Amino acid sequence: MNIKGTKKKNQVVTANIFEQQELLKKAEVIRENLTASTWRELETNGKFDKNEKLSFISDDMLILGCDVGR
């Protein structure tokens, strides 16, 4: 059998210990500043309509949704 192609070696991504420590510090700062809120808690002046919700969301927010069925 003659198969043309190259065998790719497993590449391991390495980072030095200082880079790893720096990443861990950044992750810890992010973790300390996380807060959880519901839309009901954020709606201070009555209910948001869809456009108000979209304008309220900023780049530093992570939105999670849950659809509970039966």
C-alpha atoms as a PDB file:
ATOM      1  CA  MET A   1       0.000   0.000   0.000  1.00  0.00           C
ATOM      2  CA  ASN A   2       1.344   3.374  -0.954  1.00  0.00           C
ATOM      3  CA  ILE A   3      -0.389   6.171   0.920  1.00  0.00           C
ATOM      4  CA  LYS A   4       0.843   9.663   0.316  1.00  0.00           C
ATOM      5  CA  GLY A   5       0.585  12.016   3.205  1.00  0.00           C
ATOM      6  CA  THR A   6       2.404  13.205   6.220  1.00  0.00           C
ATOM      7  CA  LYS A   7       2.040  11.892   9.684  1.00  0.00           C
ATOM      8  CA  LYS A   8       1.415  14.717  12.098  1.00  0.00           C
ATOM      9  CA  LYS A   9       3.051  14.508  15.449  1.00  0.00           C
ATOM     10  CA  ASN A  10       1.112  15.399  18.562  1.00  0.00           C
ATOM     11  CA  GLN A  11       1.932  18.972  19.364  1.00  0.00           C
ATOM     12  CA  VAL A  12       2.063  19.962  22.977  1.00  0.00           C
ATOM     13  CA  VAL A  13       1.443  23.578  23.840  1.00  0.00           C
ATOM     14  CA  THR A  14       3.734  24.620  26.608  1.00  0.00           C
ATOM     15  CA  ALA A  15       3.800  27.800  28.610  1.00  0.00           C
ATOM     16  CA  ASN A  16       6.426  28.753  31.075  1.00  0.00           C
ATOM     17  CA  ILE A  17       5.599  28.858  34.761  1.00  0.00           C
ATOM     18  CA  PHE A  18       5.432  32.671  34.839  1.00  0.00           C
ATOM     19  CA  GLU A  19       2.805  32.763  32.086  1.00  0.00           C
ATOM     20  CA  GLN A  20       0.777  30.127  33.922  1.00  0.00           C
ATOM     21  CA  GLN A  21       0.940  32.075  37.181  1.00  0.00           C
ATOM     22  CA  GLU A  22      -0.092  35.271  35.392  1.00  0.00           C
ATOM     23  CA  LEU A  23      -3.087  33.516  33.831  1.00  0.00           C
ATOM     24  CA  LEU A  24      -4.111  32.084  37.189  1.00  0.00           C
ATOM     25  CA  LYS A  25      -3.978  35.554  38.770  1.00  0.00           C
ATOM     26  CA  LYS A  26      -6.141  36.997  35.978  1.00  0.00           C
ATOM     27  CA  ALA A  27      -8.643  34.163  36.362  1.00  0.00           C
ATOM     28  CA  GLU A  28      -8.823  34.751  40.120  1.00  0.00           C
ATOM     29  CA  VAL A  29      -9.542  38.468  39.620  1.00  0.00           C
ATOM     30  CA  ILE A  30     -12.341  37.604  37.198  1.00  0.00           C
ATOM     31  CA  ARG A  31     -13.753  35.007  39.589  1.00  0.00           C
ATOM     32  CA  GLU A  32     -13.791  37.509  42.484  1.00  0.00           C
ATOM     33  CA  ASN A  33     -15.755  40.061  40.443  1.00  0.00           C
ATOM     34  CA  LEU A  34     -18.483  37.694  39.226  1.00  0.00           C
ATOM     35  CA  THR A  35     -22.027  38.427  40.329  1.00  0.00           C
ATOM     36  CA  ALA A  36     -25.297  36.676  39.591  1.00  0.00           C
ATOM     37  CA  SER A  37     -28.568  38.492  38.954  1.00  0.00           C
ATOM     38  CA  THR A  38     -31.961  37.702  37.559  1.00  0.00           C
ATOM     39  CA  TRP A  39     -33.884  39.964  35.193  1.00  0.00           C
ATOM     40  CA  ARG A  40     -36.409  40.506  37.964  1.00  0.00           C
ATOM     41  CA  GLU A  41     -33.661  41.877  40.223  1.00  0.00           C
ATOM     42  CA  LEU A  42     -32.368  44.149  37.457  1.00  0.00           C
ATOM     43  CA  GLU A  43     -35.782  45.545  36.512  1.00  0.00           C
ATOM     44  CA  THR A  44     -36.051  48.522  38.847  1.00  0.00           C
ATOM     45  CA  ASN A  45     -38.597  50.654  36.969  1.00  0.00           C
ATOM     46  CA  GLY A  46     -41.033  47.995  35.777  1.00  0.00           C
ATOM     47  CA  LYS A  47     -40.449  45.282  33.234  1.00  0.00           C
ATOM     48  CA  PHE A  48     -37.888  45.546  30.432  1.00  0.00           C
ATOM     49  CA  ASP A  49     -39.152  45.116  26.917  1.00  0.00           C
ATOM     50  CA  LYS A  50     -36.991  43.172  24.467  1.00  0.00           C
ATOM     51  CA  ASN A  51     -35.138  46.226  23.121  1.00  0.00           C
ATOM     52  CA  GLU A  52     -34.386  47.528  26.603  1.00  0.00           C
ATOM     53  CA  LYS A  53     -32.906  44.162  27.570  1.00  0.00           C
ATOM     54  CA  LEU A  54     -30.680  44.170  24.499  1.00  0.00           C
ATOM     55  CA  SER A  55     -29.432  47.700  25.199  1.00  0.00           C
ATOM     56  CA  PHE A  56     -28.856  46.844  28.876  1.00  0.00           C
ATOM     57  CA  ILE A  57     -26.473  43.963  28.061  1.00  0.00           C
ATOM     58  CA  SER A  58     -22.821  44.980  27.843  1.00  0.00           C
ATOM     59  CA  ASP A  59     -19.672  43.233  26.581  1.00  0.00           C
ATOM     60  CA  ASP A  60     -18.558  42.223  30.057  1.00  0.00           C
ATOM     61  CA  MET A  61     -21.752  40.254  30.792  1.00  0.00           C
ATOM     62  CA  LEU A  62     -22.279  36.547  30.372  1.00  0.00           C
ATOM     63  CA  ILE A  63     -25.920  35.648  29.845  1.00  0.00           C
ATOM     64  CA  LEU A  64     -27.096  32.147  30.704  1.00  0.00           C
ATOM     65  CA  GLY A  65     -30.558  30.838  30.003  1.00  0.00           C
ATOM     66  CA  CYS A  66     -32.444  27.804  31.156  1.00  0.00           C
ATOM     67  CA  ASP A  67     -35.550  26.442  29.516  1.00  0.00           C
ATOM     68  CA  VAL A  68     -37.323  24.115  31.897  1.00  0.00           C
ATOM     69  CA  GLY A  69     -39.747  21.734  30.267  1.00  0.00           C
ATOM     70  CA  ARG A  70     -41.731  19.006  31.815  1.00  0.00           C
END
